[in-house]
């Protein structure tokens, strides 16, 4: 049987790139349907994440004129991960598998056939993995690769050089729906599902139009969310640091007492001031890390809705 394939595409202020995205994906989906890789009920599901431009107006128009397009409008901006989850949870009611990708055409749509082939071979999750990062700046490439390696050190199971270009079967989507955390980091959650998975390798393109929705500030926030949502090692590192500093303090106390009784103590404020600043800085850093975890607990226990759909055009 030909699977019903849904392409789930979060959109935030994408009016510049959306016409080309819909055009290319329409051609690609028609070719997949013609080749027998997807059935006629397959769709591209565009999720408007509270855009401030004409994104929803364009999506509404495509839904009326293009039978392959469906649209969701969120009540307000909830961020990329929540918008993606809203699309996936909606798609799972209609599809056999869903493929998430970005609206900026950086994800190579020519490998969509490979995703579906691996699904029909029995895979529940197929990860899109970048062959290289030549389109990134040196800073972004270095920090991104460092982030994946750091996550591995912290014990978080993430797929190296994988973003959110992936296929998930309906069974995997049902499993994903059981994860209720408010602080979403799908790159870390999906590997926890544990079903049979595989990889598709591709070259990432330049953004077709518009500006990146992940400037440095959002990238850092996203990275911190990933670290604190899946690892408590930073808290353990604070404990280790506290033990080390306590031992050093004892050694310093012994040295001070020996110096005093031997008459070698010299009055001075430099060492005292440096010690105060050092320990004060470390304490504030530790409080900041602990505060980050407490803040996440605060968000989770409130259990507020992660998204709210205002309108759904089938």
Protein backbone atom coordinates (compact mmCIF):
# COMPACT_ATOMS: atom_id res chain seq x y z
CA UNK A 1 0.00 0.00 0.00
CA UNK A 2 1.11 3.54 -0.73
CA UNK A 3 1.55 5.51 2.52
CA UNK A 4 -0.19 8.78 3.27
CA UNK A 5 2.70 11.19 3.77
CA UNK A 6 2.33 14.56 5.49
CA UNK A 7 5.04 17.21 5.25
CA UNK A 8 4.86 19.31 8.43
CA UNK A 9 6.35 22.79 7.95
CA UNK A 10 6.44 25.40 10.75
CA UNK A 11 6.23 28.95 9.38
CA UNK A 12 7.04 32.21 11.12
CA UNK A 13 7.12 35.37 8.99
CA UNK A 14 7.86 33.37 5.84
CA UNK A 15 5.94 35.40 3.24
CA UNK A 16 9.11 35.91 1.16
CA UNK A 17 9.95 32.23 0.78
CA UNK A 18 6.53 30.58 1.04
CA UNK A 19 5.47 30.89 -2.64
CA UNK A 20 8.64 29.13 -3.80
CA UNK A 21 8.39 26.54 -1.02
CA UNK A 22 4.83 25.58 -1.96
CA UNK A 23 5.71 25.54 -5.66
CA UNK A 24 8.70 23.19 -5.22
CA UNK A 25 6.97 20.91 -2.72
CA UNK A 26 3.89 20.63 -4.95
CA UNK A 27 6.07 19.44 -7.81
CA UNK A 28 7.91 17.02 -5.53
CA UNK A 29 4.76 15.59 -3.94
CA UNK A 30 3.08 15.10 -7.31
CA UNK A 31 6.15 13.20 -8.51
CA UNK A 32 6.06 11.00 -5.39
CA UNK A 33 2.37 10.28 -5.88
CA UNK A 34 2.93 9.47 -9.55
CA UNK A 35 5.86 7.17 -8.66
CA UNK A 36 3.73 5.29 -6.10
CA UNK A 37 5.69 6.45 -3.04
CA UNK A 38 2.72 8.36 -1.60
CA UNK A 39 -1.02 8.23 -2.08
CA UNK A 40 -3.33 11.02 -3.19
CA UNK A 41 -4.34 11.89 0.39
CA UNK A 42 -0.82 13.10 1.18
CA UNK A 43 -0.49 16.74 2.13
CA UNK A 44 1.93 19.50 3.07
CA UNK A 45 0.76 20.92 6.42
CA UNK A 46 1.85 24.54 6.87
CA UNK A 47 1.79 25.73 10.51
CA UNK A 48 1.61 29.48 11.02
CA UNK A 49 3.31 30.20 14.35
CA UNK A 50 1.65 33.57 15.02
CA UNK A 51 3.35 35.36 12.12
CA UNK A 52 3.18 39.15 11.92
CA UNK A 53 3.34 39.32 8.13
CA UNK A 54 1.11 37.85 5.37
CA UNK A 55 2.10 34.23 6.06
CA UNK A 56 -1.37 33.04 7.12
CA UNK A 57 -3.03 34.97 4.30
CA UNK A 58 -0.81 33.13 1.82
CA UNK A 59 -1.42 29.75 3.50
CA UNK A 60 -5.19 30.31 3.39
CA UNK A 61 -4.97 31.08 -0.32
CA UNK A 62 -2.94 27.95 -1.05
CA UNK A 63 -5.43 25.81 0.88
CA UNK A 64 -8.20 27.04 -1.44
CA UNK A 65 -6.35 26.60 -4.74
CA UNK A 66 -3.99 23.67 -4.07
CA UNK A 67 -5.44 20.30 -2.99
CA UNK A 68 -2.06 19.26 -1.57
CA UNK A 69 -1.95 22.10 0.99
CA UNK A 70 -3.47 22.17 4.48
CA UNK A 71 -2.91 24.88 7.05
CA UNK A 72 -2.91 25.45 10.80
CA UNK A 73 -2.96 28.85 12.47
CA UNK A 74 -1.78 28.96 16.08
CA UNK A 75 -3.49 31.47 18.37
CA UNK A 76 -0.15 33.16 19.08
CA UNK A 77 3.57 32.66 18.64
CA UNK A 78 4.79 29.61 20.59
CA UNK A 79 8.22 29.03 19.06
CA UNK A 80 9.50 26.60 16.45
CA UNK A 81 9.40 23.45 18.58
CA UNK A 82 5.82 23.97 19.76
CA UNK A 83 4.66 24.87 16.25
CA UNK A 84 6.31 21.72 14.92
CA UNK A 85 4.68 19.62 17.64
CA UNK A 86 1.27 21.15 16.84
CA UNK A 87 1.68 20.13 13.22
CA UNK A 88 2.85 16.61 14.04
CA UNK A 89 0.05 15.97 16.53
CA UNK A 90 -2.50 17.15 13.97
CA UNK A 91 -0.95 15.16 11.12
CA UNK A 92 -0.87 11.89 13.06
CA UNK A 93 -4.67 11.64 12.80
CA UNK A 94 -4.50 11.57 9.00
CA UNK A 95 -1.14 10.16 7.92
CA UNK A 96 0.89 6.97 7.94
CA UNK A 97 4.07 8.99 8.40
CA UNK A 98 5.00 12.65 8.78
CA UNK A 99 8.17 14.40 7.64
CA UNK A 100 9.12 17.63 9.39
CA UNK A 101 11.18 20.22 7.52
CA UNK A 102 11.84 23.96 7.50
CA UNK A 103 10.07 26.44 5.23
CA UNK A 104 13.27 28.13 4.05
CA UNK A 105 14.19 25.39 1.50
CA UNK A 106 17.51 24.67 3.20
CA UNK A 107 16.48 21.05 3.73
CA UNK A 108 17.04 19.15 0.48
CA UNK A 109 13.58 18.01 -0.66
CA UNK A 110 15.08 15.68 -3.29
CA UNK A 111 15.83 13.13 -0.54
CA UNK A 112 12.16 12.87 0.51
CA UNK A 113 11.94 9.69 -1.59
CA UNK A 114 14.71 8.14 0.51
CA UNK A 115 12.83 8.94 3.73
CA UNK A 116 9.69 7.22 2.46
CA UNK A 117 11.66 4.22 1.11
CA UNK A 118 13.19 3.63 4.53
CA UNK A 119 9.74 3.95 6.11
CA UNK A 120 8.29 1.32 3.78
CA UNK A 121 11.27 -0.88 4.67
CA UNK A 122 10.09 -0.85 8.30
CA UNK A 123 11.71 2.17 9.96
CA UNK A 124 9.59 4.21 12.37
CA UNK A 125 12.02 7.13 12.59
CA UNK A 126 14.34 8.37 9.84
CA UNK A 127 16.78 11.18 10.66
CA UNK A 128 18.02 13.67 8.09
CA UNK A 129 21.74 14.15 8.73
CA UNK A 130 23.89 16.79 7.07
CA UNK A 131 26.91 15.60 5.11
CA UNK A 132 28.79 18.81 5.81
CA UNK A 133 28.21 22.35 7.08
CA UNK A 134 29.86 24.40 4.34
CA UNK A 135 26.89 26.78 4.08
CA UNK A 136 27.36 27.85 7.73
CA UNK A 137 29.67 30.57 8.95
CA UNK A 138 32.80 29.41 10.76
CA UNK A 139 31.33 30.57 14.07
CA UNK A 140 28.01 28.77 13.58
CA UNK A 141 29.68 25.59 12.34
CA UNK A 142 32.10 25.49 15.29
CA UNK A 143 29.47 26.23 17.93
CA UNK A 144 26.91 23.81 16.44
CA UNK A 145 29.36 20.92 16.27
CA UNK A 146 30.63 21.77 19.74
CA UNK A 147 27.05 21.69 21.03
CA UNK A 148 26.44 18.16 19.72
CA UNK A 149 29.69 16.93 21.25
CA UNK A 150 28.94 18.62 24.56
CA UNK A 151 25.49 17.01 24.66
CA UNK A 152 27.12 13.61 24.18
CA UNK A 153 29.51 14.33 27.07
CA UNK A 154 26.48 15.14 29.24
CA UNK A 155 24.95 11.80 28.34
CA UNK A 156 22.18 13.12 26.06
CA UNK A 157 21.33 10.84 23.13
CA UNK A 158 21.24 13.22 20.14
CA UNK A 159 21.97 12.48 16.48
CA UNK A 160 25.09 14.33 15.35
CA UNK A 161 24.47 17.02 12.69
CA UNK A 162 20.71 16.39 12.76
CA UNK A 163 18.25 19.24 13.20
CA UNK A 164 14.51 18.68 12.75
CA UNK A 165 14.46 17.15 9.27
CA UNK A 166 13.04 13.71 10.07
CA UNK A 167 10.35 11.19 9.28
CA UNK A 168 8.17 9.67 12.00
CA UNK A 169 5.62 6.90 11.57
CA UNK A 170 2.16 7.15 13.11
CA UNK A 171 3.29 4.71 15.80
CA UNK A 172 6.24 6.95 16.63
CA UNK A 173 3.98 10.02 16.66
CA UNK A 174 1.64 8.29 19.09
CA UNK A 175 4.64 7.60 21.33
CA UNK A 176 5.77 11.23 21.01
CA UNK A 177 2.33 12.40 22.18
CA UNK A 178 2.98 10.70 25.54
CA UNK A 179 5.87 13.07 26.31
CA UNK A 180 4.21 15.94 28.13
CA UNK A 181 7.07 18.30 28.95
CA UNK A 182 6.54 22.00 28.31
CA UNK A 183 10.23 22.71 27.66
CA UNK A 184 10.44 21.03 24.27
CA UNK A 185 13.66 19.80 22.70
CA UNK A 186 12.48 17.34 20.05
CA UNK A 187 16.01 16.42 18.95
CA UNK A 188 16.48 14.88 22.37
CA UNK A 189 12.97 13.46 22.83
CA UNK A 190 12.65 11.54 19.55
CA UNK A 191 15.67 9.25 20.16
CA UNK A 192 14.09 8.27 23.48
CA UNK A 193 11.16 6.65 21.65
CA UNK A 194 13.40 3.75 20.74
CA UNK A 195 11.74 2.30 17.64
CA UNK A 196 13.71 1.15 14.62
CA UNK A 197 15.49 4.10 13.01
CA UNK A 198 17.80 4.92 10.12
CA UNK A 199 19.51 7.92 8.50
CA UNK A 200 19.29 9.86 5.27
CA UNK A 201 22.31 12.00 4.42
CA UNK A 202 21.92 15.24 2.48
CA UNK A 203 23.59 18.55 1.68
CA UNK A 204 21.93 21.60 3.21
CA UNK A 205 21.23 24.50 0.86
CA UNK A 206 21.44 28.25 1.35
CA UNK A 207 18.27 29.91 2.59
CA UNK A 208 16.17 30.80 -0.48
CA UNK A 209 14.86 34.14 0.87
CA UNK A 210 14.15 36.02 4.08
CA UNK A 211 16.14 36.05 7.30
CA UNK A 212 17.11 33.25 9.64
CA UNK A 213 14.68 32.74 12.53
CA UNK A 214 17.55 31.53 14.74
CA UNK A 215 19.89 34.44 15.55
CA UNK A 216 22.64 33.96 18.13
CA UNK A 217 20.39 34.76 21.11
CA UNK A 218 17.80 32.13 20.12
CA UNK A 219 20.51 29.58 19.32
CA UNK A 220 21.99 29.98 22.81
CA UNK A 221 18.55 29.76 24.43
CA UNK A 222 17.74 26.63 22.41
CA UNK A 223 21.06 25.03 23.39
CA UNK A 224 20.48 25.77 27.09
CA UNK A 225 16.97 24.29 26.82
CA UNK A 226 18.44 21.12 25.36
CA UNK A 227 21.11 20.80 28.04
CA UNK A 228 18.88 21.48 31.05
CA UNK A 229 15.95 19.43 29.71
CA UNK A 230 17.93 16.22 29.32
CA UNK A 231 20.85 16.25 31.72
CA UNK A 232 21.37 16.90 35.44
CA UNK A 233 25.14 16.71 35.08
CA UNK A 234 25.52 20.51 35.49
CA UNK A 235 24.02 20.12 38.97
CA UNK A 236 26.43 17.28 39.72
CA UNK A 237 29.30 19.44 38.44
CA UNK A 238 28.29 22.13 40.96
CA UNK A 239 28.49 19.55 43.75
CA UNK A 240 31.92 18.44 42.55
CA UNK A 241 33.06 22.06 42.32
CA UNK A 242 31.83 22.66 45.87
CA UNK A 243 33.83 19.68 47.17
CA UNK A 244 36.98 20.79 45.36
CA UNK A 245 36.70 24.36 46.65
CA UNK A 246 36.09 23.08 50.18
CA UNK A 247 39.27 21.00 50.03
CA UNK A 248 41.22 23.96 48.68
CA UNK A 249 39.81 26.13 51.46
CA UNK A 250 41.00 23.63 54.08
CA UNK A 251 44.47 23.62 52.53
CA UNK A 252 44.44 27.42 52.51
CA UNK A 253 43.41 27.47 56.16
CA UNK A 254 46.24 25.08 57.08
CA UNK A 255 48.73 27.21 55.15
CA UNK A 256 47.48 30.38 56.88
CA UNK A 257 47.79 28.80 60.35
CA UNK A 258 51.29 27.46 59.65
CA UNK A 259 52.37 30.85 58.30
CA UNK A 260 50.93 32.60 61.36
CA UNK A 261 52.70 30.38 63.90
CA UNK A 262 55.97 30.57 61.98
CA UNK A 263 55.75 34.35 61.88
CA UNK A 264 55.63 34.47 58.07
CA UNK A 265 52.19 36.05 57.70
CA UNK A 266 52.23 39.34 55.78
CA UNK A 267 49.33 41.72 56.03
CA UNK A 268 47.80 42.34 52.62
CA UNK A 269 44.48 42.75 50.96
CA UNK A 270 45.20 41.44 47.43
CA UNK A 271 44.74 37.75 48.25
CA UNK A 272 41.62 38.47 50.30
CA UNK A 273 39.99 40.57 47.58
CA UNK A 274 40.84 38.04 44.87
CA UNK A 275 39.42 35.21 46.97
CA UNK A 276 36.21 37.10 47.67
CA UNK A 277 35.66 37.93 43.98
CA UNK A 278 36.49 34.39 42.86
CA UNK A 279 34.23 32.66 45.35
CA UNK A 280 31.47 35.23 44.86
CA UNK A 281 31.54 34.72 41.09
CA UNK A 282 31.45 30.94 41.46
CA UNK A 283 28.53 31.14 43.88
CA UNK A 284 26.54 33.37 41.53
CA UNK A 285 27.26 31.03 38.62
CA UNK A 286 26.08 28.03 40.63
CA UNK A 287 22.95 29.86 41.72
CA UNK A 288 22.27 30.70 38.08
CA UNK A 289 22.50 27.04 37.03
CA UNK A 290 20.28 25.91 39.90
CA UNK A 291 17.86 28.74 39.11
CA UNK A 292 17.64 27.55 35.49
CA UNK A 293 16.51 24.12 36.64
CA UNK A 294 14.07 25.60 39.18
CA UNK A 295 12.61 27.76 36.42
CA UNK A 296 12.03 24.70 34.26
CA UNK A 297 10.34 22.91 37.15
CA UNK A 298 8.11 25.97 37.58
CA UNK A 299 7.10 25.83 33.90
CA UNK A 300 6.46 22.09 34.01
CA UNK A 301 4.32 22.00 37.16
CA UNK A 302 2.00 24.69 35.78
CA UNK A 303 1.32 22.33 32.86
CA UNK A 304 0.00 25.06 30.61
CA UNK A 305 -1.01 24.12 27.03
CA UNK A 306 2.00 24.02 24.72
CA UNK A 307 0.00 25.44 21.82
CA UNK A 308 -3.54 26.37 20.87
CA UNK A 309 -4.86 25.96 17.34
CA UNK A 310 -7.03 28.87 16.24
CA UNK A 311 -7.86 27.62 12.76
CA UNK A 312 -7.33 24.43 10.75
CA UNK A 313 -7.86 24.39 6.99
CA UNK A 314 -7.97 20.85 5.62
